[in-house]
Amino acid sequence: MSKPMTIGLTGSIGMGKSTVAAMFEAEGVPVFDADAEVRAMQRPGGELLAEIEEQFPGSTGPEGVLRDQLGAQVFGDAAALARLEAIVHPAVGAKRADFFARHGDASLVVFDVPLLFERGGHEAVDCIVVVSAPPEVQRERVLARPGMTEEKFAHILSLQLPDAEKRARADHVIDTGKALEETAADVRDLVARLSGRVQRA
């Protein structure tokens, strides 16, 4: 039996990647959400709590990882961020392998990974879909988030491959700078083409 085509779904902060991931799910495509898996492993009783607390004392509590405290310990500190990633990334990789095994009969699966290019994950997928929007739309979305500041936004962007480069390296680009219905139609068309349900141009 052939394996599913693996789609790497990525996009910079505020580009609408989560919205597009939900559109893929609405079309019946299984989606692995790397961020959601991380959050689950950092909740009360989560499998990463003990190791994170050991490496970053005071960063966890009864409610799980204290995101503000952990963020303060790694913000702007490349070595601390690398220590955190060494804890999180192997655990996420194991979850992803399990997800792929469970959905082996699907024609397509989506791996929703924010730092797909930055962490080399693009090499492990069959097709790359980048979610993009005009810079002014991105900026408005991000700065509307609770607790977001210009400084935080600039720092996050500095850790991410520029949007233009992501689009240049994508197999397909989904534009979220237009009406949701139009974006959903683009996703529906892409799923149909990648599934082989319509003749490719």
N, C-alpha and C. Protein backbone atom coordinates (compact mmCIF):
# COMPACT_ATOMS: atom_id res chain seq x y z
N MET A 1 0.85 -1.19 0.00
CA MET A 1 0.00 0.00 0.00
C MET A 1 0.88 1.24 0.00
N SER A 2 0.53 2.22 -0.84
CA SER A 2 1.34 3.43 -0.93
C SER A 2 1.14 4.29 0.32
N LYS A 3 2.17 5.02 0.66
CA LYS A 3 2.09 5.91 1.81
C LYS A 3 1.39 7.21 1.43
N PRO A 4 0.84 7.92 2.41
CA PRO A 4 0.22 9.21 2.12
C PRO A 4 1.26 10.21 1.61
N MET A 5 0.81 11.14 0.79
CA MET A 5 1.65 12.28 0.45
C MET A 5 1.72 13.17 1.69
N THR A 6 2.94 13.57 2.07
CA THR A 6 3.09 14.42 3.25
C THR A 6 3.23 15.88 2.82
N ILE A 7 2.38 16.72 3.39
CA ILE A 7 2.37 18.14 3.10
C ILE A 7 2.93 18.88 4.31
N GLY A 8 3.98 19.64 4.10
CA GLY A 8 4.49 20.51 5.15
C GLY A 8 3.81 21.85 5.05
N LEU A 9 3.01 22.19 6.06
CA LEU A 9 2.27 23.46 6.07
C LEU A 9 2.99 24.43 7.00
N THR A 10 3.37 25.58 6.46
CA THR A 10 4.10 26.53 7.28
C THR A 10 3.75 27.95 6.87
N GLY A 11 4.25 28.90 7.65
CA GLY A 11 4.00 30.31 7.40
C GLY A 11 4.46 31.11 8.59
N SER A 12 4.84 32.33 8.36
CA SER A 12 5.32 33.17 9.44
C SER A 12 4.18 33.54 10.38
N ILE A 13 4.54 34.09 11.54
CA ILE A 13 3.55 34.47 12.54
C ILE A 13 2.51 35.41 11.95
N GLY A 14 1.24 35.16 12.26
CA GLY A 14 0.16 36.04 11.84
C GLY A 14 -0.29 35.87 10.41
N MET A 15 0.21 34.85 9.73
CA MET A 15 -0.15 34.66 8.32
C MET A 15 -1.45 33.87 8.13
N GLY A 16 -1.96 33.26 9.19
CA GLY A 16 -3.21 32.52 9.07
C GLY A 16 -3.04 31.03 8.90
N LYS A 17 -1.91 30.52 9.35
CA LYS A 17 -1.62 29.09 9.16
C LYS A 17 -2.63 28.20 9.88
N SER A 18 -3.00 28.58 11.10
CA SER A 18 -3.96 27.76 11.85
C SER A 18 -5.31 27.72 11.16
N THR A 19 -5.69 28.84 10.58
CA THR A 19 -6.95 28.90 9.84
C THR A 19 -6.91 27.96 8.64
N VAL A 20 -5.80 27.99 7.91
CA VAL A 20 -5.66 27.13 6.74
C VAL A 20 -5.59 25.66 7.16
N ALA A 21 -4.92 25.37 8.27
CA ALA A 21 -4.87 23.99 8.76
C ALA A 21 -6.28 23.47 9.03
N ALA A 22 -7.12 24.32 9.61
CA ALA A 22 -8.51 23.92 9.88
C ALA A 22 -9.26 23.68 8.57
N MET A 23 -8.92 24.43 7.53
CA MET A 23 -9.55 24.22 6.22
C MET A 23 -9.15 22.88 5.62
N PHE A 24 -7.89 22.50 5.79
CA PHE A 24 -7.47 21.16 5.35
C PHE A 24 -8.25 20.08 6.10
N GLU A 25 -8.39 20.26 7.40
CA GLU A 25 -9.14 19.27 8.20
C GLU A 25 -10.59 19.20 7.73
N ALA A 26 -11.16 20.34 7.39
CA ALA A 26 -12.55 20.37 6.91
C ALA A 26 -12.71 19.60 5.60
N GLU A 27 -11.61 19.47 4.85
CA GLU A 27 -11.62 18.70 3.60
C GLU A 27 -11.28 17.23 3.85
N GLY A 28 -11.17 16.85 5.12
CA GLY A 28 -10.93 15.45 5.46
C GLY A 28 -9.47 15.04 5.49
N VAL A 29 -8.56 16.02 5.46
CA VAL A 29 -7.13 15.71 5.49
C VAL A 29 -6.65 15.70 6.94
N PRO A 30 -6.05 14.61 7.41
CA PRO A 30 -5.51 14.58 8.78
C PRO A 30 -4.40 15.62 8.94
N VAL A 31 -4.45 16.37 10.03
CA VAL A 31 -3.47 17.43 10.28
C VAL A 31 -2.77 17.18 11.61
N PHE A 32 -1.44 17.16 11.56
CA PHE A 32 -0.63 17.08 12.76
C PHE A 32 -0.20 18.48 13.13
N ASP A 33 -0.65 18.96 14.28
CA ASP A 33 -0.36 20.32 14.73
C ASP A 33 0.77 20.27 15.75
N ALA A 34 1.97 20.64 15.31
CA ALA A 34 3.14 20.55 16.18
C ALA A 34 2.98 21.41 17.43
N ASP A 35 2.46 22.63 17.26
CA ASP A 35 2.29 23.52 18.41
C ASP A 35 1.30 22.94 19.42
N ALA A 36 0.21 22.35 18.92
CA ALA A 36 -0.78 21.77 19.82
C ALA A 36 -0.18 20.60 20.60
N GLU A 37 0.66 19.82 19.96
CA GLU A 37 1.32 18.71 20.65
C GLU A 37 2.25 19.23 21.75
N VAL A 38 2.96 20.31 21.45
CA VAL A 38 3.84 20.90 22.46
C VAL A 38 3.03 21.38 23.66
N ARG A 39 1.92 22.07 23.38
CA ARG A 39 1.08 22.56 24.47
C ARG A 39 0.56 21.41 25.33
N ALA A 40 0.16 20.32 24.67
CA ALA A 40 -0.35 19.17 25.42
C ALA A 40 0.72 18.57 26.33
N MET A 41 1.95 18.53 25.84
CA MET A 41 3.03 17.94 26.64
C MET A 41 3.51 18.89 27.75
N GLN A 42 3.02 20.13 27.71
CA GLN A 42 3.41 21.11 28.73
C GLN A 42 2.28 21.43 29.70
N ARG A 43 1.14 20.76 29.54
CA ARG A 43 0.02 20.95 30.45
C ARG A 43 0.26 20.19 31.75
N PRO A 44 -0.59 20.40 32.77
CA PRO A 44 -0.45 19.63 34.01
C PRO A 44 -0.38 18.13 33.72
N GLY A 45 0.63 17.46 34.25
CA GLY A 45 0.81 16.04 34.00
C GLY A 45 1.52 15.74 32.70
N GLY A 46 1.87 16.75 31.95
CA GLY A 46 2.52 16.56 30.65
C GLY A 46 3.89 15.94 30.78
N GLU A 47 4.27 15.20 29.76
CA GLU A 47 5.49 14.40 29.84
C GLU A 47 6.78 15.21 29.80
N LEU A 48 6.70 16.48 29.44
CA LEU A 48 7.91 17.30 29.37
C LEU A 48 8.14 18.18 30.60
N LEU A 49 7.17 18.21 31.51
CA LEU A 49 7.26 19.16 32.62
C LEU A 49 8.51 18.99 33.46
N ALA A 50 8.79 17.75 33.85
CA ALA A 50 9.91 17.52 34.78
C ALA A 50 11.23 17.96 34.16
N GLU A 51 11.43 17.63 32.90
CA GLU A 51 12.70 17.98 32.25
C GLU A 51 12.82 19.48 32.03
N ILE A 52 11.70 20.12 31.69
CA ILE A 52 11.74 21.58 31.51
C ILE A 52 12.03 22.27 32.83
N GLU A 53 11.41 21.80 33.91
CA GLU A 53 11.65 22.41 35.23
C GLU A 53 13.11 22.21 35.66
N GLU A 54 13.65 21.04 35.32
CA GLU A 54 15.04 20.77 35.68
C GLU A 54 15.99 21.74 34.97
N GLN A 55 15.73 21.98 33.70
CA GLN A 55 16.60 22.86 32.91
C GLN A 55 16.31 24.34 33.15
N PHE A 56 15.05 24.64 33.48
CA PHE A 56 14.63 26.04 33.65
C PHE A 56 13.84 26.17 34.95
N PRO A 57 14.53 26.18 36.09
CA PRO A 57 13.86 26.22 37.39
C PRO A 57 12.88 27.38 37.51
N GLY A 58 11.70 27.07 38.05
CA GLY A 58 10.68 28.09 38.23
C GLY A 58 9.79 28.32 37.03
N SER A 59 9.99 27.53 35.97
CA SER A 59 9.23 27.74 34.74
C SER A 59 7.97 26.88 34.66
N THR A 60 7.72 26.06 35.69
CA THR A 60 6.51 25.23 35.69
C THR A 60 5.81 25.38 37.04
N GLY A 61 4.54 25.00 37.06
CA GLY A 61 3.75 25.05 38.29
C GLY A 61 2.60 24.08 38.19
N PRO A 62 1.63 24.17 39.11
CA PRO A 62 0.49 23.24 39.09
C PRO A 62 -0.29 23.28 37.78
N GLU A 63 -0.24 24.44 37.10
CA GLU A 63 -0.97 24.57 35.83
C GLU A 63 -0.13 24.18 34.62
N GLY A 64 1.04 23.59 34.87
CA GLY A 64 1.91 23.18 33.78
C GLY A 64 3.02 24.19 33.55
N VAL A 65 3.48 24.28 32.31
CA VAL A 65 4.52 25.26 31.99
C VAL A 65 3.95 26.66 32.11
N LEU A 66 4.69 27.52 32.80
CA LEU A 66 4.33 28.92 32.93
C LEU A 66 4.98 29.65 31.76
N ARG A 67 4.20 29.88 30.73
CA ARG A 67 4.76 30.34 29.46
C ARG A 67 5.52 31.66 29.59
N ASP A 68 5.00 32.57 30.42
CA ASP A 68 5.68 33.86 30.58
C ASP A 68 7.04 33.68 31.24
N GLN A 69 7.09 32.84 32.28
CA GLN A 69 8.35 32.62 32.98
C GLN A 69 9.36 31.89 32.10
N LEU A 70 8.88 30.86 31.39
CA LEU A 70 9.78 30.14 30.49
C LEU A 70 10.25 31.06 29.37
N GLY A 71 9.32 31.83 28.82
CA GLY A 71 9.68 32.76 27.76
C GLY A 71 10.74 33.76 28.20
N ALA A 72 10.61 34.23 29.44
CA ALA A 72 11.58 35.19 29.95
C ALA A 72 12.97 34.57 30.07
N GLN A 73 13.02 33.27 30.33
CA GLN A 73 14.32 32.60 30.48
C GLN A 73 15.01 32.31 29.15
N VAL A 74 14.23 32.22 28.09
CA VAL A 74 14.85 31.90 26.79
C VAL A 74 14.85 33.08 25.83
N PHE A 75 14.09 34.13 26.15
CA PHE A 75 13.97 35.28 25.24
C PHE A 75 15.35 35.91 25.02
N GLY A 76 15.78 35.95 23.76
CA GLY A 76 17.05 36.58 23.43
C GLY A 76 18.28 35.79 23.82
N ASP A 77 18.10 34.55 24.30
CA ASP A 77 19.23 33.73 24.75
C ASP A 77 19.29 32.49 23.87
N ALA A 78 20.17 32.51 22.88
CA ALA A 78 20.22 31.42 21.89
C ALA A 78 20.57 30.08 22.54
N ALA A 79 21.46 30.10 23.53
CA ALA A 79 21.86 28.85 24.18
C ALA A 79 20.69 28.25 24.97
N ALA A 80 19.94 29.11 25.67
CA ALA A 80 18.78 28.63 26.44
C ALA A 80 17.71 28.09 25.50
N LEU A 81 17.49 28.79 24.40
CA LEU A 81 16.51 28.32 23.42
C LEU A 81 16.92 26.96 22.86
N ALA A 82 18.19 26.79 22.60
CA ALA A 82 18.67 25.51 22.08
C ALA A 82 18.45 24.38 23.10
N ARG A 83 18.63 24.67 24.38
CA ARG A 83 18.38 23.66 25.42
C ARG A 83 16.91 23.27 25.46
N LEU A 84 16.05 24.27 25.32
CA LEU A 84 14.61 23.99 25.32
C LEU A 84 14.23 23.16 24.09
N GLU A 85 14.77 23.53 22.94
CA GLU A 85 14.44 22.79 21.72
C GLU A 85 14.95 21.35 21.78
N ALA A 86 16.06 21.13 22.47
CA ALA A 86 16.59 19.77 22.60
C ALA A 86 15.66 18.89 23.44
N ILE A 87 14.85 19.51 24.26
CA ILE A 87 13.85 18.77 25.04
C ILE A 87 12.60 18.54 24.19
N VAL A 88 12.16 19.59 23.53
CA VAL A 88 10.85 19.57 22.87
C VAL A 88 10.87 18.84 21.52
N HIS A 89 11.86 19.12 20.69
CA HIS A 89 11.81 18.63 19.31
C HIS A 89 11.82 17.10 19.18
N PRO A 90 12.65 16.36 19.94
CA PRO A 90 12.58 14.89 19.83
C PRO A 90 11.22 14.34 20.24
N ALA A 91 10.61 14.96 21.26
CA ALA A 91 9.30 14.50 21.72
C ALA A 91 8.23 14.74 20.65
N VAL A 92 8.31 15.88 19.99
CA VAL A 92 7.37 16.18 18.91
C VAL A 92 7.58 15.22 17.74
N GLY A 93 8.84 14.92 17.45
CA GLY A 93 9.14 13.97 16.37
C GLY A 93 8.53 12.61 16.61
N ALA A 94 8.56 12.16 17.85
CA ALA A 94 7.96 10.86 18.19
C ALA A 94 6.45 10.90 18.01
N LYS A 95 5.83 12.02 18.41
CA LYS A 95 4.38 12.17 18.24
C LYS A 95 4.01 12.18 16.76
N ARG A 96 4.86 12.82 15.97
CA ARG A 96 4.58 12.91 14.53
C ARG A 96 4.67 11.53 13.88
N ALA A 97 5.66 10.76 14.28
CA ALA A 97 5.80 9.41 13.72
C ALA A 97 4.59 8.55 14.06
N ASP A 98 4.09 8.70 15.27
CA ASP A 98 2.90 7.94 15.69
C ASP A 98 1.68 8.39 14.89
N PHE A 99 1.53 9.70 14.69
CA PHE A 99 0.43 10.23 13.88
C PHE A 99 0.48 9.67 12.46
N PHE A 100 1.66 9.66 11.86
CA PHE A 100 1.80 9.17 10.50
C PHE A 100 1.43 7.69 10.41
N ALA A 101 1.82 6.91 11.42
CA ALA A 101 1.50 5.48 11.44
C ALA A 101 -0.02 5.27 11.54
N ARG A 102 -0.69 6.12 12.30
CA ARG A 102 -2.14 5.98 12.49
C ARG A 102 -2.94 6.39 11.26
N HIS A 103 -2.33 7.20 10.39
CA HIS A 103 -3.06 7.69 9.21
C HIS A 103 -2.43 7.19 7.92
N GLY A 104 -1.88 5.99 7.97
CA GLY A 104 -1.21 5.42 6.81
C GLY A 104 -2.10 5.14 5.63
N ASP A 105 -3.42 5.10 5.85
CA ASP A 105 -4.34 4.81 4.75
C ASP A 105 -4.89 6.08 4.09
N ALA A 106 -4.48 7.25 4.58
CA ALA A 106 -4.95 8.50 3.98
C ALA A 106 -4.17 8.79 2.70
N SER A 107 -4.77 9.55 1.79
CA SER A 107 -4.03 9.92 0.57
C SER A 107 -3.10 11.10 0.83
N LEU A 108 -3.51 11.98 1.75
CA LEU A 108 -2.71 13.13 2.13
C LEU A 108 -2.68 13.27 3.65
N VAL A 109 -1.57 13.73 4.18
CA VAL A 109 -1.53 14.17 5.58
C VAL A 109 -0.78 15.50 5.62
N VAL A 110 -1.18 16.34 6.55
CA VAL A 110 -0.55 17.66 6.70
C VAL A 110 0.23 17.69 8.01
N PHE A 111 1.47 18.15 7.92
CA PHE A 111 2.26 18.44 9.11
C PHE A 111 2.32 19.96 9.24
N ASP A 112 1.61 20.47 10.23
CA ASP A 112 1.53 21.90 10.50
C ASP A 112 2.71 22.28 11.39
N VAL A 113 3.75 22.87 10.78
CA VAL A 113 5.00 23.13 11.51
C VAL A 113 5.42 24.59 11.28
N PRO A 114 5.36 25.43 12.31
CA PRO A 114 5.70 26.84 12.12
C PRO A 114 7.11 27.05 11.59
N LEU A 115 8.09 26.34 12.11
CA LEU A 115 9.49 26.54 11.72
C LEU A 115 9.97 25.41 10.80
N LEU A 116 9.17 25.12 9.80
CA LEU A 116 9.47 24.00 8.90
C LEU A 116 10.82 24.18 8.21
N PHE A 117 11.06 25.36 7.65
CA PHE A 117 12.34 25.61 6.96
C PHE A 117 13.47 25.80 7.96
N GLU A 118 13.16 26.56 9.02
CA GLU A 118 14.21 26.94 9.96
C GLU A 118 14.81 25.73 10.68
N ARG A 119 14.04 24.67 10.85
CA ARG A 119 14.53 23.49 11.56
C ARG A 119 14.80 22.30 10.64
N GLY A 120 14.74 22.53 9.33
CA GLY A 120 15.08 21.48 8.38
C GLY A 120 13.98 20.48 8.10
N GLY A 121 12.77 20.73 8.62
CA GLY A 121 11.67 19.79 8.42
C GLY A 121 11.20 19.71 6.98
N HIS A 122 11.52 20.73 6.19
CA HIS A 122 11.08 20.74 4.79
C HIS A 122 11.70 19.59 3.99
N GLU A 123 12.81 19.06 4.49
CA GLU A 123 13.47 17.97 3.78
C GLU A 123 12.76 16.64 3.98
N ALA A 124 11.83 16.58 4.94
CA ALA A 124 11.18 15.32 5.27
C ALA A 124 9.75 15.24 4.76
N VAL A 125 9.32 16.19 3.92
CA VAL A 125 7.96 16.17 3.40
C VAL A 125 7.99 16.11 1.87
N ASP A 126 6.86 15.71 1.29
CA ASP A 126 6.77 15.58 -0.16
C ASP A 126 6.42 16.89 -0.85
N CYS A 127 5.73 17.76 -0.13
CA CYS A 127 5.17 18.97 -0.73
C CYS A 127 5.13 20.06 0.34
N ILE A 128 5.47 21.28 -0.04
CA ILE A 128 5.48 22.39 0.92
C ILE A 128 4.42 23.41 0.53
N VAL A 129 3.55 23.71 1.51
CA VAL A 129 2.51 24.73 1.33
C VAL A 129 2.80 25.86 2.30
N VAL A 130 2.99 27.05 1.77
CA VAL A 130 3.27 28.24 2.60
C VAL A 130 2.02 29.11 2.64
N VAL A 131 1.65 29.50 3.84
CA VAL A 131 0.52 30.41 4.05
C VAL A 131 1.07 31.82 4.16
N SER A 132 0.49 32.74 3.40
CA SER A 132 1.05 34.09 3.32
C SER A 132 -0.06 35.13 3.25
N ALA A 133 0.30 36.34 3.65
CA ALA A 133 -0.60 37.49 3.57
C ALA A 133 0.26 38.74 3.43
N PRO A 134 -0.32 39.84 2.99
CA PRO A 134 0.47 41.07 2.87
C PRO A 134 1.04 41.49 4.24
N PRO A 135 2.21 42.12 4.24
CA PRO A 135 2.87 42.50 5.51
C PRO A 135 2.00 43.33 6.44
N GLU A 136 1.20 44.23 5.88
CA GLU A 136 0.36 45.08 6.73
C GLU A 136 -0.74 44.26 7.41
N VAL A 137 -1.23 43.23 6.73
CA VAL A 137 -2.24 42.35 7.32
C VAL A 137 -1.61 41.53 8.44
N GLN A 138 -0.43 40.99 8.16
CA GLN A 138 0.29 40.22 9.17
C GLN A 138 0.53 41.06 10.42
N ARG A 139 1.02 42.28 10.22
CA ARG A 139 1.35 43.15 11.35
C ARG A 139 0.12 43.45 12.20
N GLU A 140 -0.98 43.76 11.54
CA GLU A 140 -2.23 44.08 12.25
C GLU A 140 -2.70 42.89 13.08
N ARG A 141 -2.63 41.70 12.49
CA ARG A 141 -3.07 40.49 13.21
C ARG A 141 -2.20 40.23 14.44
N VAL A 142 -0.89 40.32 14.25
CA VAL A 142 0.02 39.97 15.34
C VAL A 142 -0.07 40.97 16.49
N LEU A 143 -0.07 42.25 16.17
CA LEU A 143 -0.09 43.26 17.23
C LEU A 143 -1.43 43.32 17.97
N ALA A 144 -2.45 42.67 17.41
CA ALA A 144 -3.74 42.59 18.10
C ALA A 144 -3.76 41.48 19.15
N ARG A 145 -2.74 40.64 19.17
CA ARG A 145 -2.70 39.54 20.13
C ARG A 145 -2.40 40.06 21.54
N PRO A 146 -3.03 39.43 22.55
CA PRO A 146 -2.79 39.87 23.93
C PRO A 146 -1.31 39.74 24.29
N GLY A 147 -0.75 40.79 24.89
CA GLY A 147 0.63 40.74 25.37
C GLY A 147 1.68 40.94 24.30
N MET A 148 1.25 41.10 23.05
CA MET A 148 2.23 41.28 21.98
C MET A 148 2.72 42.72 21.96
N THR A 149 4.01 42.88 21.72
CA THR A 149 4.62 44.20 21.60
C THR A 149 5.41 44.28 20.30
N GLU A 150 5.78 45.49 19.93
CA GLU A 150 6.61 45.68 18.73
C GLU A 150 7.92 44.91 18.88
N GLU A 151 8.49 44.94 20.10
CA GLU A 151 9.77 44.26 20.34
C GLU A 151 9.63 42.75 20.17
N LYS A 152 8.58 42.19 20.76
CA LYS A 152 8.36 40.74 20.64
C LYS A 152 8.13 40.35 19.18
N PHE A 153 7.34 41.14 18.50
CA PHE A 153 7.05 40.86 17.09
C PHE A 153 8.34 40.87 16.27
N ALA A 154 9.17 41.88 16.49
CA ALA A 154 10.43 41.98 15.76
C ALA A 154 11.34 40.80 16.08
N HIS A 155 11.36 40.39 17.34
CA HIS A 155 12.21 39.26 17.74
C HIS A 155 11.74 37.97 17.08
N ILE A 156 10.43 37.75 17.08
CA ILE A 156 9.88 36.54 16.46
C ILE A 156 10.23 36.52 14.96
N LEU A 157 10.05 37.65 14.31
CA LEU A 157 10.37 37.72 12.88
C LEU A 157 11.85 37.43 12.63
N SER A 158 12.71 37.85 13.55
CA SER A 158 14.15 37.64 13.38
C SER A 158 14.51 36.15 13.43
N LEU A 159 13.66 35.35 14.06
CA LEU A 159 13.91 33.91 14.17
C LEU A 159 13.32 33.13 13.00
N GLN A 160 12.53 33.80 12.18
CA GLN A 160 11.83 33.13 11.09
C GLN A 160 12.40 33.54 9.74
N LEU A 161 12.40 32.57 8.83
CA LEU A 161 12.80 32.86 7.46
C LEU A 161 11.84 33.91 6.89
N PRO A 162 12.34 34.91 6.18
CA PRO A 162 11.44 35.93 5.62
C PRO A 162 10.35 35.32 4.76
N ASP A 163 9.18 35.94 4.80
CA ASP A 163 8.03 35.43 4.06
C ASP A 163 8.34 35.28 2.57
N ALA A 164 9.04 36.24 1.99
CA ALA A 164 9.35 36.17 0.56
C ALA A 164 10.17 34.94 0.22
N GLU A 165 11.09 34.59 1.11
CA GLU A 165 11.92 33.41 0.87
C GLU A 165 11.10 32.14 1.02
N LYS A 166 10.22 32.12 2.00
CA LYS A 166 9.35 30.95 2.16
C LYS A 166 8.50 30.75 0.91
N ARG A 167 7.92 31.82 0.42
CA ARG A 167 7.08 31.71 -0.78
C ARG A 167 7.90 31.22 -1.97
N ALA A 168 9.13 31.69 -2.07
CA ALA A 168 9.99 31.28 -3.19
C ALA A 168 10.32 29.79 -3.14
N ARG A 169 10.35 29.23 -1.93
CA ARG A 169 10.72 27.83 -1.77
C ARG A 169 9.50 26.90 -1.68
N ALA A 170 8.32 27.46 -1.74
CA ALA A 170 7.09 26.67 -1.60
C ALA A 170 6.72 25.98 -2.91
N ASP A 171 6.05 24.85 -2.77
CA ASP A 171 5.42 24.22 -3.94
C ASP A 171 4.08 24.88 -4.24
N HIS A 172 3.42 25.33 -3.18
CA HIS A 172 2.13 26.01 -3.31
C HIS A 172 2.04 27.09 -2.25
N VAL A 173 1.42 28.22 -2.60
CA VAL A 173 1.20 29.31 -1.65
C VAL A 173 -0.29 29.53 -1.49
N ILE A 174 -0.74 29.59 -0.24
CA ILE A 174 -2.15 29.88 0.06
C ILE A 174 -2.21 31.31 0.60
N ASP A 175 -2.98 32.15 -0.07
CA ASP A 175 -3.10 33.56 0.30
C ASP A 175 -4.26 33.74 1.27
N THR A 176 -3.96 34.27 2.47
CA THR A 176 -5.03 34.52 3.45
C THR A 176 -5.35 36.01 3.55
N GLY A 177 -4.81 36.79 2.63
CA GLY A 177 -5.10 38.22 2.65
C GLY A 177 -6.36 38.57 1.88
N LYS A 178 -7.26 37.62 1.76
CA LYS A 178 -8.51 37.86 1.04
C LYS A 178 -9.65 37.22 1.84
N ALA A 179 -10.85 37.19 1.28
CA ALA A 179 -12.00 36.65 2.00
C ALA A 179 -11.77 35.18 2.37
N LEU A 180 -12.26 34.80 3.55
CA LEU A 180 -12.09 33.42 4.01
C LEU A 180 -12.64 32.42 3.01
N GLU A 181 -13.77 32.76 2.39
CA GLU A 181 -14.38 31.83 1.44
C GLU A 181 -13.46 31.57 0.25
N GLU A 182 -12.75 32.61 -0.17
CA GLU A 182 -11.82 32.45 -1.29
C GLU A 182 -10.62 31.59 -0.89
N THR A 183 -10.11 31.82 0.31
CA THR A 183 -8.99 31.00 0.78
C THR A 183 -9.42 29.54 0.92
N ALA A 184 -10.62 29.31 1.46
CA ALA A 184 -11.13 27.95 1.61
C ALA A 184 -11.28 27.26 0.26
N ALA A 185 -11.70 28.02 -0.75
CA ALA A 185 -11.83 27.46 -2.10
C ALA A 185 -10.46 27.09 -2.65
N ASP A 186 -9.45 27.90 -2.36
CA ASP A 186 -8.09 27.58 -2.81
C ASP A 186 -7.59 26.29 -2.16
N VAL A 187 -7.88 26.14 -0.87
CA VAL A 187 -7.46 24.92 -0.16
C VAL A 187 -8.20 23.71 -0.74
N ARG A 188 -9.49 23.86 -1.00
CA ARG A 188 -10.29 22.76 -1.55
C ARG A 188 -9.73 22.33 -2.91
N ASP A 189 -9.37 23.31 -3.73
CA ASP A 189 -8.81 23.01 -5.05
C ASP A 189 -7.46 22.31 -4.92
N LEU A 190 -6.64 22.77 -3.99
CA LEU A 190 -5.33 22.16 -3.81
C LEU A 190 -5.45 20.72 -3.34
N VAL A 191 -6.34 20.48 -2.39
CA VAL A 191 -6.55 19.11 -1.90
C VAL A 191 -7.00 18.21 -3.04
N ALA A 192 -7.90 18.72 -3.88
CA ALA A 192 -8.38 17.93 -5.02
C ALA A 192 -7.24 17.59 -5.97
N ARG A 193 -6.40 18.57 -6.26
CA ARG A 193 -5.30 18.34 -7.21
C ARG A 193 -4.26 17.38 -6.63
N LEU A 194 -3.92 17.59 -5.35
CA LEU A 194 -2.91 16.73 -4.75
C LEU A 194 -3.42 15.30 -4.54
N SER A 195 -4.72 15.17 -4.39
CA SER A 195 -5.31 13.84 -4.22
C SER A 195 -5.51 13.14 -5.56
N GLY A 196 -5.29 13.88 -6.64
CA GLY A 196 -5.45 13.29 -7.96
C GLY A 196 -6.88 13.18 -8.41
N ARG A 197 -7.77 13.96 -7.73
CA ARG A 197 -9.20 13.84 -8.08
C ARG A 197 -9.56 14.65 -9.32
N VAL A 198 -8.66 15.60 -9.69
CA VAL A 198 -8.89 16.34 -10.93
C VAL A 198 -7.60 16.29 -11.73
N GLN A 199 -7.72 16.51 -13.01
CA GLN A 199 -6.54 16.47 -13.87
C GLN A 199 -5.63 17.66 -13.56
N ARG A 200 -4.36 17.40 -13.30
CA ARG A 200 -3.44 18.50 -13.05
C ARG A 200 -3.11 19.22 -14.35
N ALA A 201 -2.91 20.50 -14.23
CA ALA A 201 -2.58 21.31 -15.41
C ALA A 201 -1.18 20.98 -15.87
